[in-house]
C-alpha atoms as a PDB file:
ATOM      1  CA  MET A   1      94.106  -5.441 -11.555  1.00  0.00           C
ATOM      2  CA  SER A   2      96.817  -3.941 -12.925  1.00  0.00           C
ATOM      3  CA  HIS A   3      96.590  -3.549 -16.768  1.00  0.00           C
ATOM      4  CA  ASN A   4      98.924  -6.175 -17.756  1.00  0.00           C
ATOM      5  CA  LEU A   5      97.422  -8.904 -15.847  1.00  0.00           C
ATOM      6  CA  THR A   6      93.913  -8.314 -17.177  1.00  0.00           C
ATOM      7  CA  ARG A   7      95.703  -8.539 -20.698  1.00  0.00           C
ATOM      8  CA  TYR A   8      97.306 -11.471 -19.801  1.00  0.00           C
ATOM      9  CA  PHE A   9      93.890 -13.111 -18.552  1.00  0.00           C
ATOM     10  CA  LEU A  10      92.138 -12.118 -21.723  1.00  0.00           C
ATOM     11  CA  HIS A  11      95.110 -13.843 -24.110  1.00  0.00           C
ATOM     12  CA  ALA A  12      94.534 -16.468 -21.837  1.00  0.00           C
ATOM     13  CA  LEU A  13      91.074 -16.793 -22.725  1.00  0.00           C
ATOM     14  CA  ARG A  14      91.672 -16.213 -26.594  1.00  0.00           C
ATOM     15  CA  LEU A  15      94.448 -19.109 -26.463  1.00  0.00           C
ATOM     16  CA  ALA A  16      91.568 -21.435 -24.780  1.00  0.00           C
ATOM     17  CA  PRO A  17      87.994 -20.566 -26.286  1.00  0.00           C
ATOM     18  CA  THR A  18      86.446 -23.805 -25.300  1.00  0.00           C
ATOM     19  CA  PHE A  19      87.197 -23.747 -21.849  1.00  0.00           C
ATOM     20  CA  VAL A  20      86.098 -21.424 -19.330  1.00  0.00           C
ATOM     21  CA  PHE A  21      89.092 -20.002 -17.141  1.00  0.00           C
ATOM     22  CA  PRO A  22      89.411 -21.876 -13.783  1.00  0.00           C
ATOM     23  CA  LEU A  23      88.704 -19.769 -11.271  1.00  0.00           C
ATOM     24  CA  LEU A  24      91.547 -21.673  -8.841  1.00  0.00           C
ATOM     25  CA  VAL A  25      94.000 -18.909  -7.730  1.00  0.00           C
ATOM     26  CA  ALA A  26      96.011 -19.845  -4.570  1.00  0.00           C
ATOM     27  CA  MET A  27      99.016 -17.529  -2.890  1.00  0.00           C
ATOM     28  CA  PRO A  28     102.356 -19.727  -2.557  1.00  0.00           C
ATOM     29  CA  GLY A  29     102.202 -22.132   0.760  1.00  0.00           C
ATOM     30  CA  GLN A  30      98.053 -21.529   0.767  1.00  0.00           C
ATOM     31  CA  TYR A  31      94.858 -23.236   0.033  1.00  0.00           C
ATOM     32  CA  ALA A  32      91.998 -21.976  -2.494  1.00  0.00           C
ATOM     33  CA  LEU A  33      88.625 -22.856  -2.295  1.00  0.00           C
ATOM     34  CA  ALA A  34      88.494 -24.802  -4.917  1.00  0.00           C
ATOM     35  CA  THR A  35      85.461 -23.904  -6.860  1.00  0.00           C
ATOM     36  CA  ALA A  36      85.768 -24.529 -10.507  1.00  0.00           C
ATOM     37  CA  ASP A  37      83.977 -24.321 -13.920  1.00  0.00           C
ATOM     38  CA  GLY A  38      84.790 -25.543 -16.883  1.00  0.00           C
ATOM     39  CA  CYS A  39      82.839 -26.027 -20.192  1.00  0.00           C
ATOM     40  CA  THR A  40      83.398 -26.772 -23.819  1.00  0.00           C
ATOM     41  CA  GLY A  41      81.931 -24.698 -26.793  1.00  0.00           C
ATOM     42  CA  PHE A  42      81.014 -27.634 -28.929  1.00  0.00           C
ATOM     43  CA  SER A  43      78.105 -29.355 -29.389  1.00  0.00           C
ATOM     44  CA  PRO A  44      76.693 -31.107 -26.953  1.00  0.00           C
ATOM     45  CA  ARG A  45      77.997 -28.205 -24.312  1.00  0.00           C
ATOM     46  CA  THR A  46      79.508 -30.131 -21.872  1.00  0.00           C
ATOM     47  CA  CYS A  47      80.558 -28.675 -18.389  1.00  0.00           C
ATOM     48  CA  ILE A  48      82.247 -29.935 -14.917  1.00  0.00           C
ATOM     49  CA  ASN A  49      81.732 -28.043 -11.448  1.00  0.00           C
ATOM     50  CA  VAL A  50      84.062 -29.147  -8.916  1.00  0.00           C
ATOM     51  CA  THR A  51      84.131 -27.939  -5.562  1.00  0.00           C
ATOM     52  CA  GLY A  52      86.065 -28.748  -2.194  1.00  0.00           C
ATOM     53  CA  GLU A  53      89.145 -26.808  -0.559  1.00  0.00           C
ATOM     54  CA  GLY A  54      92.596 -27.608  -1.925  1.00  0.00           C
ATOM     55  CA  LEU A  55      92.760 -30.704  -3.099  1.00  0.00           C
ATOM     56  CA  LYS A  56      90.265 -32.362  -1.222  1.00  0.00           C
ATOM     57  CA  LEU A  57      87.385 -32.135  -3.250  1.00  0.00           C
ATOM     58  CA  ASN A  58      83.365 -32.233  -2.353  1.00  0.00           C
ATOM     59  CA  SER A  59      81.854 -33.286  -5.439  1.00  0.00           C
ATOM     60  CA  VAL A  60      82.508 -32.988  -9.092  1.00  0.00           C
ATOM     61  CA  VAL A  61      79.362 -32.801 -11.444  1.00  0.00           C
ATOM     62  CA  GLY A  62      79.195 -33.443 -14.910  1.00  0.00           C
ATOM     63  CA  SER A  63      76.491 -31.567 -17.380  1.00  0.00           C
ATOM     64  CA  PHE A  64      75.435 -31.315 -20.716  1.00  0.00           C
ATOM     65  CA  LYS A  65      72.984 -29.371 -22.933  1.00  0.00           C
ATOM     66  CA  LYS A  66      72.149 -30.150 -26.593  1.00  0.00           C
ATOM     67  CA  ALA A  67      69.509 -28.962 -29.208  1.00  0.00           C
ATOM     68  CA  THR A  68      68.979 -32.635 -30.139  1.00  0.00           C
ATOM     69  CA  ARG A  69      68.448 -35.310 -27.812  1.00  0.00           C
ATOM     70  CA  LEU A  70      71.483 -37.563 -26.321  1.00  0.00           C
ATOM     71  CA  CYS A  71      70.098 -41.392 -25.564  1.00  0.00           C
ATOM     72  CA  ASN A  72      71.792 -43.653 -22.950  1.00  0.00           C
ATOM     73  CA  TRP A  73      74.312 -41.246 -21.935  1.00  0.00           C
ATOM     74  CA  ARG A  74      76.650 -41.502 -18.691  1.00  0.00           C
ATOM     75  CA  TYR A  75      79.493 -39.229 -17.497  1.00  0.00           C
ATOM     76  CA  ASP A  76      83.429 -40.936 -16.264  1.00  0.00           C
ATOM     77  CA  ILE A  77      85.398 -38.698 -14.608  1.00  0.00           C
ATOM     78  CA  VAL A  78      88.997 -39.019 -14.723  1.00  0.00           C
ATOM     79  CA  TYR A  79      91.903 -37.819 -12.912  1.00  0.00           C
ATOM     80  CA  THR A  80      95.069 -37.044 -14.628  1.00  0.00           C
ATOM     81  CA  ASP A  81      98.344 -35.910 -12.842  1.00  0.00           C
ATOM     82  CA  THR A  82     100.672 -33.525 -13.895  1.00  0.00           C
ATOM     83  CA  ASN A  83     102.809 -35.843 -15.706  1.00  0.00           C
ATOM     84  CA  GLY A  84      99.503 -36.596 -17.975  1.00  0.00           C
ATOM     85  CA  LYS A  85      98.880 -39.753 -16.062  1.00  0.00           C
ATOM     86  CA  ASN A  86      95.497 -40.992 -15.999  1.00  0.00           C
ATOM     87  CA  TYR A  87      95.688 -42.699 -12.113  1.00  0.00           C
ATOM     88  CA  ASN A  88      91.797 -42.487 -10.870  1.00  0.00           C
ATOM     89  CA  THR A  89      88.557 -42.972 -12.938  1.00  0.00           C
ATOM     90  CA  VAL A  90      85.468 -42.940 -11.709  1.00  0.00           C
ATOM     91  CA  LYS A  91      82.419 -44.377 -14.187  1.00  0.00           C
ATOM     92  CA  GLY A  92      78.964 -42.859 -13.804  1.00  0.00           C
ATOM     93  CA  ARG A  93      75.712 -44.827 -14.015  1.00  0.00           C
ATOM     94  CA  THR A  94      74.397 -44.835 -17.288  1.00  0.00           C
ATOM     95  CA  THR A  95      71.113 -42.824 -17.667  1.00  0.00           C
ATOM     96  CA  SER A  96      68.510 -44.742 -20.025  1.00  0.00           C
ATOM     97  CA  GLY A  97      66.477 -42.808 -22.310  1.00  0.00           C
ATOM     98  CA  CYS A  98      66.998 -39.766 -24.525  1.00  0.00           C
ATOM     99  CA  ASP A  99      67.459 -36.232 -23.062  1.00  0.00           C
ATOM    100  CA  PHE A 100      67.986 -32.373 -24.214  1.00  0.00           C
ATOM    101  CA  SER A 101      70.255 -31.792 -20.917  1.00  0.00           C
ATOM    102  CA  GLY A 102      71.265 -33.765 -18.187  1.00  0.00           C
ATOM    103  CA  SER A 103      73.829 -33.621 -15.174  1.00  0.00           C
ATOM    104  CA  SER A 104      75.347 -36.547 -13.291  1.00  0.00           C
ATOM    105  CA  SER A 105      77.233 -35.937  -9.855  1.00  0.00           C
ATOM    106  CA  VAL A 106      80.707 -38.283  -8.660  1.00  0.00           C
ATOM    107  CA  THR A 107      81.775 -38.717  -5.339  1.00  0.00           C
ATOM    108  CA  PRO A 108      85.454 -37.860  -5.591  1.00  0.00           C
ATOM    109  CA  PRO A 109      88.389 -39.761  -3.993  1.00  0.00           C
ATOM    110  CA  LYS A 110      89.101 -38.387  -0.157  1.00  0.00           C
ATOM    111  CA  SER A 111      92.236 -36.410  -1.968  1.00  0.00           C
ATOM    112  CA  VAL A 112      93.366 -35.784  -5.565  1.00  0.00           C
ATOM    113  CA  ARG A 113      97.141 -35.014  -6.873  1.00  0.00           C
ATOM    114  CA  THR A 114      97.638 -31.612  -8.917  1.00  0.00           C
ATOM    115  CA  GLY A 115      96.864 -31.785 -12.090  1.00  0.00           C
ATOM    116  CA  LYS A 116      93.278 -31.950 -13.764  1.00  0.00           C
ATOM    117  CA  VAL A 117      89.611 -33.550 -13.533  1.00  0.00           C
ATOM    118  CA  CYS A 118      88.006 -34.349 -16.868  1.00  0.00           C
ATOM    119  CA  ALA A 119      84.272 -35.313 -17.030  1.00  0.00           C
ATOM    120  CA  ARG A 120      83.898 -37.301 -20.060  1.00  0.00           C
ATOM    121  CA  LEU A 121      80.209 -37.611 -21.378  1.00  0.00           C
ATOM    122  CA  TYR A 122      79.549 -40.874 -23.626  1.00  0.00           C
ATOM    123  CA  GLU A 123      76.684 -41.749 -25.796  1.00  0.00           C
ATOM    124  CA  ASN A 124      75.505 -45.676 -26.196  1.00  0.00           C
ATOM    125  CA  GLY A 125      79.344 -46.447 -24.656  1.00  0.00           C
ATOM    126  CA  SER A 126      80.685 -44.299 -27.412  1.00  0.00           C
ATOM    127  CA  TYR A 127      83.170 -41.056 -26.571  1.00  0.00           C
ATOM    128  CA  VAL A 128      81.191 -37.866 -27.534  1.00  0.00           C
ATOM    129  CA  ASN A 129      82.807 -35.152 -25.460  1.00  0.00           C
ATOM    130  CA  ALA A 130      84.722 -33.698 -22.417  1.00  0.00           C
ATOM    131  CA  ALA A 131      85.282 -31.069 -19.961  1.00  0.00           C
ATOM    132  CA  CYS A 132      88.198 -30.048 -17.567  1.00  0.00           C
ATOM    133  CA  VAL A 133      89.556 -28.084 -15.267  1.00  0.00           C
ATOM    134  CA  ASN A 134      92.524 -27.692 -13.700  1.00  0.00           C
ATOM    135  CA  LEU A 135      93.611 -28.890 -10.170  1.00  0.00           C
ATOM    136  CA  PHE A 136      96.292 -27.601  -7.919  1.00  0.00           C
ATOM    137  CA  ARG A 137      97.004 -25.859  -4.281  1.00  0.00           C
END
C-alpha cells in the first residue's frame, strides 16, 4: 500500500472516530464480499455486522455492550439509499428483561440498494444509539 493511500485511510478514520472503517472494497464492475462491522464509540457501544456478497446480504446483526443494564431493548434495521431516503425498516423483536450486552439478528431483504444500513437500538421504545455501515457494489 502506498504511503499516500495509508495516510488517506488514517485521515478518514480520524474524521469519523465513532465508526470502524467499513471493509467493503471493490474494483469497478466487480462485487466485493460484503462483510463489514461498524461500532460507535459512545455508551452503550452499539455495533452492526453485515455479511453477504455485493448487494445481496446474508445476515445483519446488531449488538451492544454497556456498563449498566439496558432494559426491554430491541434493534430496528434501517436501509437508506444514497439520497438519504429510508426505503426499508425491519423492526426487531423486543427482548424483555435487563442486560449488560445483547445481540439481535434480522433477516435482510433479498437485495438492497447502494447506501447504508443502520442498526438502531431502542430501550423501552425510546431511541438510544445507532451504528451504520455503507453498502455499495
